[in-house]
Amino acid sequence: MPRSAKKRYVSFVDENLKKNFEKLEKGKFEDEQLREFISRAIEDIKKNPFCGVLISKKLWPKEYIKKYSIKNLWKYNLPNSWRLIYTIKEDEISILNILIEWFNHKDYERRFRY
């Protein structure tokens, strides 16, 4: 089945991340804005799962590899220098995009040791 015909899904890596996303709605203006940015990113990723930037394997945080057994890692640049990190799992009938983490640019640089 061609990729364009596959069902596409976006999910959170765990319940904690999902709750953090939901909490943004009731937060300060900046939190609500970040939630809107992430929501838009989710829609973009549903349309094109590969719309982010593929992160070189040598930069992958070891904890992602251990904890999530990732085979690929993507970065979606959000407004205001925020970053959304996700991985993609694909089979014959579907593409599953799994959101792992989001953070500001400073924390992103720390996590990826830039």
N, C-alpha and C. Protein backbone atom coordinates (compact mmCIF):
# COMPACT_ATOMS: atom_id res chain seq x y z
N MET A 1 0.85 -1.18 0.00
CA MET A 1 0.00 0.00 0.00
C MET A 1 0.90 1.25 0.00
N PRO A 2 0.64 2.19 -0.90
CA PRO A 2 1.47 3.41 -0.90
C PRO A 2 1.24 4.24 0.37
N ARG A 3 2.26 4.96 0.78
CA ARG A 3 2.17 5.77 2.00
C ARG A 3 0.97 6.71 1.98
N SER A 4 0.69 7.27 0.84
CA SER A 4 -0.41 8.25 0.74
C SER A 4 -1.77 7.63 1.05
N ALA A 5 -1.89 6.31 0.93
CA ALA A 5 -3.16 5.63 1.19
C ALA A 5 -3.27 5.11 2.63
N LYS A 6 -2.19 5.17 3.36
CA LYS A 6 -2.20 4.62 4.73
C LYS A 6 -2.92 5.55 5.70
N LYS A 7 -3.57 4.94 6.68
CA LYS A 7 -4.19 5.70 7.78
C LYS A 7 -3.08 6.35 8.58
N ARG A 8 -3.32 7.56 9.06
CA ARG A 8 -2.30 8.29 9.82
C ARG A 8 -2.84 8.65 11.18
N TYR A 9 -1.99 8.43 12.19
CA TYR A 9 -2.36 8.70 13.56
C TYR A 9 -1.26 9.48 14.25
N VAL A 10 -1.66 10.27 15.23
CA VAL A 10 -0.68 10.96 16.08
C VAL A 10 -1.08 10.66 17.52
N SER A 11 -0.11 10.24 18.32
CA SER A 11 -0.40 9.97 19.73
C SER A 11 0.74 10.49 20.59
N PHE A 12 0.50 10.52 21.87
CA PHE A 12 1.52 10.93 22.83
C PHE A 12 2.26 9.68 23.31
N VAL A 13 3.52 9.83 23.62
CA VAL A 13 4.34 8.68 24.01
C VAL A 13 3.83 8.05 25.31
N ASP A 14 3.22 8.85 26.18
CA ASP A 14 2.64 8.31 27.41
C ASP A 14 1.55 9.25 27.93
N GLU A 15 0.85 8.78 28.94
CA GLU A 15 -0.27 9.52 29.51
C GLU A 15 0.19 10.83 30.15
N ASN A 16 1.39 10.83 30.71
CA ASN A 16 1.96 12.03 31.32
C ASN A 16 2.09 13.18 30.32
N LEU A 17 2.62 12.87 29.16
CA LEU A 17 2.81 13.89 28.12
C LEU A 17 1.45 14.42 27.66
N LYS A 18 0.49 13.52 27.53
CA LYS A 18 -0.86 13.93 27.12
C LYS A 18 -1.46 14.88 28.16
N LYS A 19 -1.28 14.56 29.44
CA LYS A 19 -1.80 15.43 30.50
C LYS A 19 -1.11 16.79 30.49
N ASN A 20 0.19 16.79 30.25
CA ASN A 20 0.92 18.06 30.16
C ASN A 20 0.39 18.92 29.01
N PHE A 21 0.07 18.27 27.91
CA PHE A 21 -0.51 18.98 26.76
C PHE A 21 -1.87 19.58 27.15
N GLU A 22 -2.70 18.77 27.80
CA GLU A 22 -4.03 19.24 28.21
C GLU A 22 -3.94 20.38 29.23
N LYS A 23 -2.94 20.33 30.12
CA LYS A 23 -2.76 21.38 31.12
C LYS A 23 -2.43 22.74 30.50
N LEU A 24 -1.81 22.72 29.33
CA LEU A 24 -1.44 23.97 28.66
C LEU A 24 -2.66 24.84 28.39
N GLU A 25 -3.80 24.19 28.18
CA GLU A 25 -5.03 24.93 27.85
C GLU A 25 -5.48 25.85 28.99
N LYS A 26 -5.19 25.44 30.21
CA LYS A 26 -5.64 26.20 31.37
C LYS A 26 -4.52 27.06 31.98
N GLY A 27 -3.42 27.15 31.26
CA GLY A 27 -2.26 27.88 31.78
C GLY A 27 -2.27 29.35 31.40
N LYS A 28 -1.10 29.95 31.56
CA LYS A 28 -0.91 31.35 31.19
C LYS A 28 -1.07 31.50 29.69
N PHE A 29 -1.07 32.74 29.23
CA PHE A 29 -1.22 33.01 27.80
C PHE A 29 -0.17 32.25 26.99
N GLU A 30 1.08 32.24 27.47
CA GLU A 30 2.16 31.56 26.75
C GLU A 30 1.89 30.06 26.64
N ASP A 31 1.32 29.48 27.70
CA ASP A 31 0.98 28.06 27.68
C ASP A 31 -0.11 27.77 26.65
N GLU A 32 -1.14 28.63 26.64
CA GLU A 32 -2.23 28.46 25.68
C GLU A 32 -1.71 28.60 24.26
N GLN A 33 -0.79 29.54 24.07
CA GLN A 33 -0.19 29.75 22.76
C GLN A 33 0.62 28.51 22.33
N LEU A 34 1.40 27.96 23.26
CA LEU A 34 2.18 26.76 22.97
C LEU A 34 1.24 25.61 22.60
N ARG A 35 0.14 25.47 23.32
CA ARG A 35 -0.83 24.42 23.01
C ARG A 35 -1.35 24.57 21.58
N GLU A 36 -1.61 25.80 21.18
CA GLU A 36 -2.08 26.07 19.82
C GLU A 36 -1.00 25.69 18.79
N PHE A 37 0.26 26.03 19.09
CA PHE A 37 1.37 25.67 18.20
C PHE A 37 1.46 24.15 18.04
N ILE A 38 1.36 23.43 19.16
CA ILE A 38 1.46 21.97 19.13
C ILE A 38 0.26 21.37 18.39
N SER A 39 -0.92 21.93 18.61
CA SER A 39 -2.12 21.44 17.91
C SER A 39 -1.97 21.60 16.40
N ARG A 40 -1.43 22.73 15.97
CA ARG A 40 -1.19 22.95 14.54
C ARG A 40 -0.16 21.95 14.01
N ALA A 41 0.88 21.71 14.80
CA ALA A 41 1.91 20.74 14.40
C ALA A 41 1.29 19.35 14.24
N ILE A 42 0.41 18.97 15.15
CA ILE A 42 -0.25 17.66 15.08
C ILE A 42 -1.03 17.55 13.76
N GLU A 43 -1.74 18.61 13.40
CA GLU A 43 -2.48 18.59 12.13
C GLU A 43 -1.54 18.47 10.94
N ASP A 44 -0.43 19.21 10.96
CA ASP A 44 0.55 19.12 9.88
C ASP A 44 1.13 17.72 9.78
N ILE A 45 1.44 17.13 10.94
CA ILE A 45 2.04 15.78 10.97
C ILE A 45 1.04 14.74 10.48
N LYS A 46 -0.25 14.93 10.79
CA LYS A 46 -1.28 14.01 10.27
C LYS A 46 -1.32 14.06 8.75
N LYS A 47 -1.20 15.27 8.20
CA LYS A 47 -1.23 15.43 6.73
C LYS A 47 0.03 14.85 6.09
N ASN A 48 1.17 15.13 6.72
CA ASN A 48 2.45 14.65 6.19
C ASN A 48 3.34 14.22 7.35
N PRO A 49 3.34 12.93 7.69
CA PRO A 49 4.11 12.44 8.84
C PRO A 49 5.60 12.76 8.77
N PHE A 50 6.10 13.03 7.57
CA PHE A 50 7.53 13.26 7.39
C PHE A 50 7.84 14.75 7.18
N CYS A 51 6.97 15.63 7.67
CA CYS A 51 7.14 17.07 7.46
C CYS A 51 8.21 17.68 8.36
N GLY A 52 8.60 16.98 9.39
CA GLY A 52 9.64 17.49 10.29
C GLY A 52 11.02 17.31 9.69
N VAL A 53 12.01 17.57 10.51
CA VAL A 53 13.41 17.41 10.12
C VAL A 53 13.93 16.13 10.75
N LEU A 54 14.47 15.23 9.93
CA LEU A 54 15.02 13.98 10.44
C LEU A 54 16.30 14.28 11.22
N ILE A 55 16.37 13.79 12.45
CA ILE A 55 17.54 14.03 13.31
C ILE A 55 18.55 12.90 13.11
N SER A 56 19.78 13.28 12.92
CA SER A 56 20.87 12.32 12.72
C SER A 56 20.96 11.37 13.92
N LYS A 57 21.14 10.10 13.64
CA LYS A 57 21.16 9.06 14.68
C LYS A 57 22.22 9.34 15.75
N LYS A 58 23.34 9.90 15.36
CA LYS A 58 24.41 10.15 16.34
C LYS A 58 24.01 11.22 17.37
N LEU A 59 22.95 11.97 17.11
CA LEU A 59 22.48 13.00 18.04
C LEU A 59 21.36 12.52 18.97
N TRP A 60 20.83 11.33 18.72
CA TRP A 60 19.70 10.86 19.51
C TRP A 60 20.08 10.73 20.98
N PRO A 61 19.26 11.27 21.88
CA PRO A 61 19.52 11.06 23.31
C PRO A 61 19.41 9.57 23.66
N LYS A 62 20.37 9.09 24.42
CA LYS A 62 20.40 7.67 24.78
C LYS A 62 19.13 7.25 25.51
N GLU A 63 18.57 8.15 26.32
CA GLU A 63 17.36 7.79 27.06
C GLU A 63 16.18 7.53 26.11
N TYR A 64 16.12 8.19 24.96
CA TYR A 64 15.06 7.92 23.99
C TYR A 64 15.22 6.50 23.43
N ILE A 65 16.45 6.14 23.15
CA ILE A 65 16.72 4.82 22.57
C ILE A 65 16.34 3.73 23.57
N LYS A 66 16.77 3.91 24.82
CA LYS A 66 16.48 2.91 25.87
C LYS A 66 15.00 2.85 26.20
N LYS A 67 14.43 4.01 26.45
CA LYS A 67 13.06 4.08 26.95
C LYS A 67 12.01 3.77 25.88
N TYR A 68 12.25 4.21 24.65
CA TYR A 68 11.22 4.10 23.61
C TYR A 68 11.59 3.20 22.44
N SER A 69 12.80 2.67 22.42
CA SER A 69 13.27 1.81 21.33
C SER A 69 13.02 2.44 19.96
N ILE A 70 13.38 3.69 19.83
CA ILE A 70 13.12 4.41 18.58
C ILE A 70 13.98 3.90 17.44
N LYS A 71 13.45 4.00 16.24
CA LYS A 71 14.17 3.61 15.02
C LYS A 71 14.42 4.84 14.14
N ASN A 72 13.77 5.96 14.48
CA ASN A 72 13.95 7.22 13.79
C ASN A 72 13.53 8.34 14.74
N LEU A 73 13.98 9.54 14.46
CA LEU A 73 13.65 10.67 15.34
C LEU A 73 13.52 11.92 14.49
N TRP A 74 12.45 12.66 14.73
CA TRP A 74 12.12 13.83 13.95
C TRP A 74 11.94 15.04 14.85
N LYS A 75 12.22 16.21 14.29
CA LYS A 75 12.04 17.49 15.00
C LYS A 75 11.10 18.34 14.16
N TYR A 76 10.10 18.91 14.82
CA TYR A 76 9.21 19.86 14.17
C TYR A 76 9.46 21.20 14.84
N ASN A 77 9.83 22.19 14.05
CA ASN A 77 10.10 23.51 14.60
C ASN A 77 8.80 24.27 14.82
N LEU A 78 8.53 24.59 16.07
CA LEU A 78 7.35 25.37 16.43
C LEU A 78 7.74 26.85 16.47
N PRO A 79 6.75 27.76 16.43
CA PRO A 79 7.07 29.18 16.58
C PRO A 79 7.75 29.48 17.92
N ASN A 80 8.37 30.64 18.00
CA ASN A 80 9.05 31.11 19.22
C ASN A 80 10.15 30.17 19.68
N SER A 81 10.79 29.50 18.74
CA SER A 81 11.95 28.62 19.00
C SER A 81 11.63 27.39 19.84
N TRP A 82 10.38 26.97 19.90
CA TRP A 82 10.03 25.72 20.56
C TRP A 82 10.27 24.58 19.59
N ARG A 83 10.53 23.39 20.13
CA ARG A 83 10.78 22.20 19.33
C ARG A 83 9.86 21.07 19.79
N LEU A 84 9.32 20.33 18.83
CA LEU A 84 8.50 19.16 19.11
C LEU A 84 9.25 17.96 18.55
N ILE A 85 9.48 16.95 19.39
CA ILE A 85 10.23 15.76 18.98
C ILE A 85 9.26 14.59 18.85
N TYR A 86 9.38 13.86 17.74
CA TYR A 86 8.51 12.70 17.52
C TYR A 86 9.23 11.60 16.78
N THR A 87 8.65 10.43 16.83
CA THR A 87 9.16 9.28 16.09
C THR A 87 8.01 8.71 15.26
N ILE A 88 8.35 7.92 14.27
CA ILE A 88 7.35 7.36 13.37
C ILE A 88 7.45 5.83 13.37
N LYS A 89 6.31 5.19 13.55
CA LYS A 89 6.21 3.73 13.39
C LYS A 89 5.26 3.49 12.24
N GLU A 90 5.67 2.61 11.35
CA GLU A 90 4.89 2.39 10.14
C GLU A 90 4.75 0.89 9.88
N ASP A 91 3.55 0.50 9.46
CA ASP A 91 3.35 -0.89 9.02
C ASP A 91 2.65 -0.87 7.67
N GLU A 92 2.09 -1.98 7.25
CA GLU A 92 1.50 -2.08 5.93
C GLU A 92 0.28 -1.18 5.74
N ILE A 93 -0.45 -0.91 6.82
CA ILE A 93 -1.70 -0.16 6.67
C ILE A 93 -1.75 1.19 7.37
N SER A 94 -0.78 1.49 8.23
CA SER A 94 -0.88 2.76 8.95
C SER A 94 0.49 3.37 9.26
N ILE A 95 0.44 4.66 9.57
CA ILE A 95 1.61 5.41 10.01
C ILE A 95 1.24 6.02 11.35
N LEU A 96 2.02 5.69 12.37
CA LEU A 96 1.78 6.21 13.71
C LEU A 96 2.91 7.17 14.07
N ASN A 97 2.55 8.42 14.32
CA ASN A 97 3.50 9.43 14.77
C ASN A 97 3.36 9.55 16.28
N ILE A 98 4.46 9.38 16.99
CA ILE A 98 4.42 9.39 18.45
C ILE A 98 5.18 10.61 18.96
N LEU A 99 4.45 11.52 19.60
CA LEU A 99 5.06 12.72 20.16
C LEU A 99 5.81 12.33 21.43
N ILE A 100 7.08 12.70 21.51
CA ILE A 100 7.92 12.31 22.64
C ILE A 100 8.10 13.46 23.63
N GLU A 101 8.32 14.64 23.11
CA GLU A 101 8.66 15.75 24.00
C GLU A 101 8.59 17.06 23.23
N TRP A 102 8.36 18.15 23.95
CA TRP A 102 8.53 19.48 23.37
C TRP A 102 9.27 20.32 24.39
N PHE A 103 10.03 21.25 23.90
CA PHE A 103 10.76 22.13 24.80
C PHE A 103 11.24 23.37 24.06
N ASN A 104 11.66 24.37 24.86
CA ASN A 104 12.19 25.59 24.25
C ASN A 104 13.56 25.29 23.66
N HIS A 105 14.09 26.23 22.91
CA HIS A 105 15.33 25.99 22.19
C HIS A 105 16.50 25.70 23.13
N LYS A 106 16.55 26.41 24.24
CA LYS A 106 17.65 26.21 25.21
C LYS A 106 17.65 24.77 25.75
N ASP A 107 16.49 24.29 26.15
CA ASP A 107 16.39 22.91 26.66
C ASP A 107 16.62 21.88 25.55
N TYR A 108 16.20 22.22 24.35
CA TYR A 108 16.45 21.35 23.19
C TYR A 108 17.96 21.21 22.97
N GLU A 109 18.67 22.32 23.00
CA GLU A 109 20.13 22.27 22.82
C GLU A 109 20.79 21.43 23.90
N ARG A 110 20.30 21.55 25.14
CA ARG A 110 20.84 20.74 26.24
C ARG A 110 20.60 19.25 26.01
N ARG A 111 19.38 18.91 25.65
CA ARG A 111 19.01 17.50 25.46
C ARG A 111 19.83 16.87 24.32
N PHE A 112 20.05 17.64 23.25
CA PHE A 112 20.75 17.09 22.10
C PHE A 112 22.23 17.48 22.06
N ARG A 113 22.71 18.06 23.15
CA ARG A 113 24.13 18.41 23.33
C ARG A 113 24.72 19.23 22.19
N TYR A 114 24.01 20.29 21.82
CA TYR A 114 24.56 21.21 20.80
C TYR A 114 25.48 22.20 21.45
